[in-house]
Amino acid sequence: MMKIDLHLHLSRKQLPPSPFGRVSTAEQMIPRMAELGIEKGVLMSGGESGRDWGTNEENRKIAELYPDRYAWMCNLDAEDTGNVYRRLKICRDQGAVGIGELMVNRRLDDLFLETVFDAAGRLGLPVTFHMSPEAGSGYGVADDPGLPLLERALRRFPDTVFLGHSQPFWIEISGDAPPDKAGRNSWGKGPVVPGGRVLELFDRYPNLYGDLSANSGGCAIMRDEAFGLAFLERYADRLFFATDMVNTEMEFPLGKWLDMQVSSGKLSRQAYEKICRKNAERVFGLGKENLYA
């Protein structure tokens, strides 16, 4: 079965090399996606303006050029806090399937972020967020150890679907999640200890979902095989395969690991299909026009 990748960062035109690495074009990525068993990808947005690539407008144009290969999420420029609902509605009406990757480096109870969450719920736009361990440093919405502000958001905005992503979110899958900044920004390793906060929030709030992209999501699942397989089965309706690829040289190991687990019979075909494709079809309305390979 061909996968849907819920997390990509690409450009429409070739960009010069940067200190942060090469960004592939959407056209260049299509054959690479095919090699990895990915039929369609969802482009993350950096906002409405002020970027050389990855804006709402650029991603919308990519999706229009390659409608069978790409969909897109939108984002808002946080410097402009007005008319949030209207701006998001315009994006939705233009074809955006969600909000992401939300990276505003403010605490999760910030008024602007809460306005976005409220509008997202009313508009039916799921929110993929990148989490940071603190505000004022780096990028990503900020929360404290134990994710109290995420719980507040899940409780206050029950109609909004939240997709957790990045190290400070996924490190909380284990009961021994470190409280310090460096530890929270690390990829988890070793056996998962019972009592992880992520499981508690998944059990308590049906509007919490998981973006399994990058090494943060991948390590959360693969660090402890028995736990990871049980987690995938238990929450199969709320997890999404994703990569976080930026160029054609990148490859994250979770995709092949999932293939291996279902082929060996350790992961059920039902859970595999939901995570790799069917959840994206159901929650984001993707891929319904395509047949399974």
Protein backbone atom coordinates (compact mmCIF):
# COMPACT_ATOMS: atom_id res chain seq x y z
CA MET A 1 0.00 0.00 0.00
CA MET A 2 1.36 3.42 -0.95
CA LYS A 3 1.75 5.79 1.98
CA ILE A 4 0.63 9.37 2.52
CA ASP A 5 3.37 11.53 4.07
CA LEU A 6 1.82 14.12 6.34
CA HIS A 7 4.91 16.30 6.79
CA LEU A 8 7.16 17.67 4.01
CA HIS A 9 9.07 20.93 3.46
CA LEU A 10 9.76 21.70 -0.23
CA SER A 11 10.10 24.61 -2.63
CA ARG A 12 8.56 25.36 -6.01
CA LYS A 13 11.81 26.52 -7.63
CA GLN A 14 15.42 25.53 -7.07
CA LEU A 15 17.03 27.54 -4.27
CA PRO A 16 20.73 28.24 -3.78
CA PRO A 17 22.47 26.17 -1.09
CA SER A 18 22.12 27.51 2.44
CA PRO A 19 23.90 26.87 5.75
CA PHE A 20 20.87 24.79 6.75
CA GLY A 21 21.23 22.40 3.83
CA ARG A 22 19.61 21.90 0.47
CA VAL A 23 15.89 22.27 -0.14
CA SER A 24 14.55 20.10 -2.96
CA THR A 25 11.84 21.20 -5.31
CA ALA A 26 8.48 19.48 -5.34
CA GLU A 27 9.28 18.12 -8.78
CA GLN A 28 12.60 16.66 -7.64
CA MET A 29 10.94 14.95 -4.67
CA ILE A 30 8.32 13.02 -6.65
CA PRO A 31 10.60 10.16 -7.77
CA ARG A 32 12.17 10.01 -4.32
CA MET A 33 8.75 9.65 -2.76
CA ALA A 34 8.00 6.80 -5.15
CA GLU A 35 11.22 5.04 -4.07
CA LEU A 36 10.05 5.28 -0.47
CA GLY A 37 6.55 4.02 -1.21
CA ILE A 38 4.92 7.43 -0.76
CA GLU A 39 2.16 8.40 -3.14
CA LYS A 40 1.21 11.80 -1.76
CA GLY A 41 2.74 14.32 0.61
CA VAL A 42 1.46 17.25 2.63
CA LEU A 43 3.50 20.45 2.51
CA MET A 44 4.11 22.37 5.71
CA SER A 45 3.86 26.16 5.59
CA GLY A 46 6.09 28.79 7.12
CA GLY A 47 3.45 31.50 7.00
CA GLU A 48 1.83 34.10 4.81
CA SER A 49 4.94 36.07 3.81
CA GLY A 50 8.53 36.92 4.60
CA ARG A 51 10.15 33.68 3.39
CA ASP A 52 12.05 32.65 0.30
CA TRP A 53 10.05 29.42 0.15
CA GLY A 54 7.38 27.47 1.98
CA THR A 55 4.73 30.18 2.19
CA ASN A 56 1.02 29.49 1.94
CA GLU A 57 0.96 30.84 -1.60
CA GLU A 58 3.92 28.80 -2.80
CA ASN A 59 2.59 25.59 -1.31
CA ARG A 60 -0.85 26.22 -2.79
CA LYS A 61 0.74 26.62 -6.23
CA ILE A 62 2.69 23.37 -5.82
CA ALA A 63 -0.49 21.52 -4.93
CA GLU A 64 -2.21 22.99 -7.97
CA LEU A 65 0.68 21.92 -10.21
CA TYR A 66 0.78 18.37 -8.81
CA PRO A 67 -2.67 17.67 -7.35
CA ASP A 68 -2.11 13.89 -7.32
CA ARG A 69 1.15 14.25 -5.40
CA TYR A 70 0.77 17.12 -2.95
CA ALA A 71 -1.66 18.81 -0.58
CA TRP A 72 -0.82 21.69 1.73
CA MET A 73 -1.29 23.12 5.18
CA CYS A 74 -1.35 26.82 5.96
CA ASN A 75 0.13 29.08 8.60
CA LEU A 76 -0.31 32.65 9.81
CA ASP A 77 2.29 35.34 10.39
CA ALA A 78 2.24 35.75 14.16
CA GLU A 79 3.18 39.43 13.93
CA ASP A 80 -0.33 40.05 12.62
CA THR A 81 -2.78 38.98 15.31
CA GLY A 82 -5.93 40.34 13.66
CA ASN A 83 -8.67 38.63 11.67
CA VAL A 84 -7.40 35.15 12.48
CA TYR A 85 -10.62 33.35 11.60
CA ARG A 86 -11.01 35.18 8.29
CA ARG A 87 -7.40 34.58 7.24
CA LEU A 88 -7.62 30.88 8.03
CA LYS A 89 -10.96 30.58 6.28
CA ILE A 90 -9.45 32.04 3.12
CA CYS A 91 -6.72 29.40 3.28
CA ARG A 92 -9.22 26.62 3.81
CA ASP A 93 -11.33 27.86 0.92
CA GLN A 94 -8.20 27.87 -1.24
CA GLY A 95 -7.59 24.22 -0.42
CA ALA A 96 -5.54 24.08 2.78
CA VAL A 97 -6.22 20.83 4.64
CA GLY A 98 -4.83 21.91 8.00
CA ILE A 99 -2.62 24.34 9.93
CA GLY A 100 1.04 23.49 10.17
CA GLU A 101 3.72 23.36 10.94
CA LEU A 102 2.78 25.71 13.80
CA MET A 103 6.12 26.97 15.11
CA VAL A 104 5.31 30.28 16.82
CA ASN A 105 7.71 30.44 19.75
CA ARG A 106 5.20 31.46 22.37
CA ARG A 107 3.69 29.57 25.27
CA LEU A 108 0.69 27.48 24.36
CA ASP A 109 -1.65 29.65 26.42
CA ASP A 110 -0.67 32.75 24.42
CA LEU A 111 -3.75 34.67 23.26
CA PHE A 112 -2.80 34.55 19.59
CA LEU A 113 -2.26 30.79 19.68
CA GLU A 114 -5.52 30.23 21.50
CA THR A 115 -7.30 32.34 18.89
CA VAL A 116 -5.79 30.11 16.20
CA PHE A 117 -6.90 26.97 18.04
CA ASP A 118 -10.44 28.28 18.41
CA ALA A 119 -10.68 29.19 14.72
CA ALA A 120 -9.14 25.87 13.71
CA GLY A 121 -11.86 23.97 15.53
CA ARG A 122 -14.64 26.03 13.97
CA LEU A 123 -13.15 25.65 10.49
CA GLY A 124 -12.32 21.95 10.76
CA LEU A 125 -8.58 22.49 10.26
CA PRO A 126 -6.34 20.08 12.22
CA VAL A 127 -3.23 21.68 13.75
CA THR A 128 0.25 20.14 13.51
CA PHE A 129 2.50 21.81 16.05
CA HIS A 130 6.25 21.76 16.63
CA MET A 131 6.91 21.94 20.37
CA SER A 132 9.76 23.80 22.04
CA PRO A 133 10.89 23.46 25.68
CA GLU A 134 10.63 27.19 26.27
CA ALA A 135 9.51 30.49 24.79
CA GLY A 136 12.09 32.98 23.54
CA SER A 137 14.51 30.36 22.27
CA GLY A 138 14.45 28.68 18.89
CA TYR A 139 11.09 27.85 17.36
CA GLY A 140 7.98 25.93 18.26
CA VAL A 141 5.08 26.41 20.64
CA ALA A 142 6.33 26.21 24.21
CA ASP A 143 5.20 24.05 27.10
CA ASP A 144 6.59 22.97 30.45
CA PRO A 145 7.69 19.46 31.45
CA GLY A 146 4.64 17.23 31.73
CA LEU A 147 2.79 19.25 29.04
CA PRO A 148 0.33 21.12 31.26
CA LEU A 149 -0.38 23.81 28.67
CA LEU A 150 -1.08 21.22 25.99
CA GLU A 151 -3.62 19.63 28.32
CA ARG A 152 -5.19 23.05 28.84
CA ALA A 153 -5.50 23.51 25.07
CA LEU A 154 -6.93 20.03 24.52
CA ARG A 155 -9.51 20.68 27.22
CA ARG A 156 -10.41 24.23 26.12
CA PHE A 157 -10.68 23.41 22.42
CA PRO A 158 -12.28 19.96 22.18
CA ASP A 159 -13.34 20.50 18.57
CA THR A 160 -9.76 21.13 17.46
CA VAL A 161 -7.59 18.22 16.36
CA PHE A 162 -4.00 18.64 17.61
CA LEU A 163 -1.10 16.68 16.08
CA GLY A 164 1.90 16.47 18.40
CA HIS A 165 5.39 16.64 16.88
CA SER A 166 9.07 17.17 17.82
CA GLN A 167 11.27 16.11 20.71
CA PRO A 168 9.66 17.89 23.70
CA PHE A 169 6.35 16.26 22.79
CA TRP A 170 7.52 12.72 22.00
CA ILE A 171 10.06 12.52 24.83
CA GLU A 172 7.01 12.53 27.13
CA ILE A 173 6.01 9.08 25.83
CA SER A 174 8.14 7.67 28.67
CA GLY A 175 7.55 8.09 32.38
CA ASP A 176 11.17 9.11 32.90
CA ALA A 177 11.06 12.08 30.51
CA PRO A 178 13.83 14.52 31.52
CA PRO A 179 12.74 17.96 32.80
CA ASP A 180 15.79 19.94 31.63
CA LYS A 181 15.94 21.81 28.33
CA ALA A 182 18.65 19.67 26.74
CA GLY A 183 16.96 16.46 27.77
CA ARG A 184 13.60 17.57 26.46
CA ASN A 185 15.20 18.41 23.12
CA SER A 186 16.72 14.92 22.79
CA TRP A 187 15.51 11.86 20.92
CA GLY A 188 14.29 9.20 23.26
CA LYS A 189 16.30 6.00 23.62
CA GLY A 190 16.14 2.82 25.64
CA PRO A 191 13.13 1.07 27.18
CA VAL A 192 10.01 3.16 27.67
CA VAL A 193 9.10 3.58 31.34
CA PRO A 194 5.40 3.29 32.26
CA GLY A 195 3.58 6.49 33.15
CA GLY A 196 4.39 8.57 30.11
CA ARG A 197 2.44 11.80 29.86
CA VAL A 198 1.71 11.36 26.13
CA LEU A 199 -0.23 8.15 26.82
CA GLU A 200 -2.18 9.83 29.59
CA LEU A 201 -3.19 12.67 27.29
CA PHE A 202 -4.05 10.30 24.45
CA ASP A 203 -6.33 8.35 26.79
CA ARG A 204 -7.96 11.45 28.25
CA TYR A 205 -8.40 13.64 25.16
CA PRO A 206 -9.72 12.18 21.88
CA ASN A 207 -8.64 15.32 20.00
CA LEU A 208 -4.92 14.55 20.49
CA TYR A 209 -3.26 12.86 17.52
CA GLY A 210 0.38 12.10 16.69
CA ASP A 211 2.68 13.11 13.81
CA LEU A 212 5.30 10.33 13.63
CA SER A 213 7.79 12.31 11.55
CA ALA A 214 11.53 12.85 11.95
CA ASN A 215 13.70 11.14 14.52
CA SER A 216 11.56 12.49 17.36
CA GLY A 217 8.50 10.50 16.31
CA GLY A 218 10.50 7.61 14.92
CA CYS A 219 12.59 7.12 18.06
CA ALA A 220 9.49 7.30 20.23
CA ILE A 221 8.13 4.25 18.41
CA MET A 222 11.33 2.31 17.62
CA ARG A 223 13.30 2.82 20.86
CA ASP A 224 11.40 -0.04 22.54
CA GLU A 225 9.98 -2.43 19.95
CA ALA A 226 7.42 -4.17 22.16
CA PHE A 227 6.14 -0.87 23.53
CA GLY A 228 6.16 0.79 20.12
CA LEU A 229 4.12 -1.96 18.50
CA ALA A 230 1.60 -1.92 21.35
CA PHE A 231 1.35 1.88 21.11
CA LEU A 232 0.72 1.71 17.35
CA GLU A 233 -2.03 -0.85 17.80
CA ARG A 234 -3.66 0.97 20.71
CA TYR A 235 -3.77 4.38 19.04
CA ALA A 236 -3.90 3.29 15.40
CA ASP A 237 -6.82 5.63 14.69
CA ARG A 238 -4.85 8.72 15.77
CA LEU A 239 -1.34 8.32 14.35
CA PHE A 240 0.02 9.49 11.01
CA PHE A 241 3.01 8.35 9.02
CA ALA A 242 5.17 11.37 8.15
CA THR A 243 8.82 12.07 7.35
CA ASP A 244 9.77 15.78 7.72
CA MET A 245 11.95 15.49 4.60
CA VAL A 246 13.42 18.67 3.13
CA ASN A 247 15.50 17.19 0.32
CA THR A 248 15.89 14.02 -1.70
CA GLU A 249 18.94 12.87 0.28
CA MET A 250 16.95 12.51 3.48
CA GLU A 251 15.43 9.27 4.68
CA PHE A 252 14.00 8.57 8.10
CA PRO A 253 13.93 4.92 9.18
CA LEU A 254 10.36 4.62 10.46
CA GLY A 255 8.82 3.91 7.05
CA LYS A 256 10.93 0.82 6.39
CA TRP A 257 10.55 -0.26 10.03
CA LEU A 258 6.76 -0.18 9.68
CA ASP A 259 7.00 -2.16 6.44
CA MET A 260 9.18 -4.75 8.14
CA GLN A 261 6.88 -5.07 11.16
CA VAL A 262 3.73 -5.64 9.10
CA SER A 263 5.54 -8.06 6.78
CA SER A 264 6.71 -10.12 9.76
CA GLY A 265 3.25 -10.14 11.31
CA LYS A 266 4.30 -8.14 14.38
CA LEU A 267 2.09 -5.19 13.38
CA SER A 268 -1.44 -5.81 12.20
CA ARG A 269 -2.33 -4.95 8.64
CA GLN A 270 -5.28 -2.92 9.93
CA ALA A 271 -3.11 -0.68 12.13
CA TYR A 272 -0.49 -0.32 9.40
CA GLU A 273 -3.01 0.82 6.80
CA LYS A 274 -4.63 3.31 9.17
CA ILE A 275 -1.31 4.88 10.17
CA CYS A 276 0.25 4.90 6.71
CA ARG A 277 -2.74 6.12 4.74
CA LYS A 278 -6.30 5.72 5.92
CA ASN A 279 -6.12 8.19 8.81
CA ALA A 280 -4.87 10.87 6.42
CA GLU A 281 -7.77 10.09 4.11
CA ARG A 282 -10.29 10.24 6.94
CA VAL A 283 -9.03 13.22 8.96
CA PHE A 284 -7.56 15.37 6.16
CA GLY A 285 -9.62 14.16 3.19
CA LEU A 286 -6.53 13.02 1.27
CA GLY A 287 -6.00 10.39 -1.36
CA LYS A 288 -9.56 9.24 -1.71
CA GLU A 289 -9.36 9.52 -5.47
CA ASN A 290 -6.41 7.11 -5.61
CA LEU A 291 -6.43 3.33 -5.52
CA TYR A 292 -4.20 1.36 -3.22
CA ALA A 293 -1.15 -0.07 -4.92
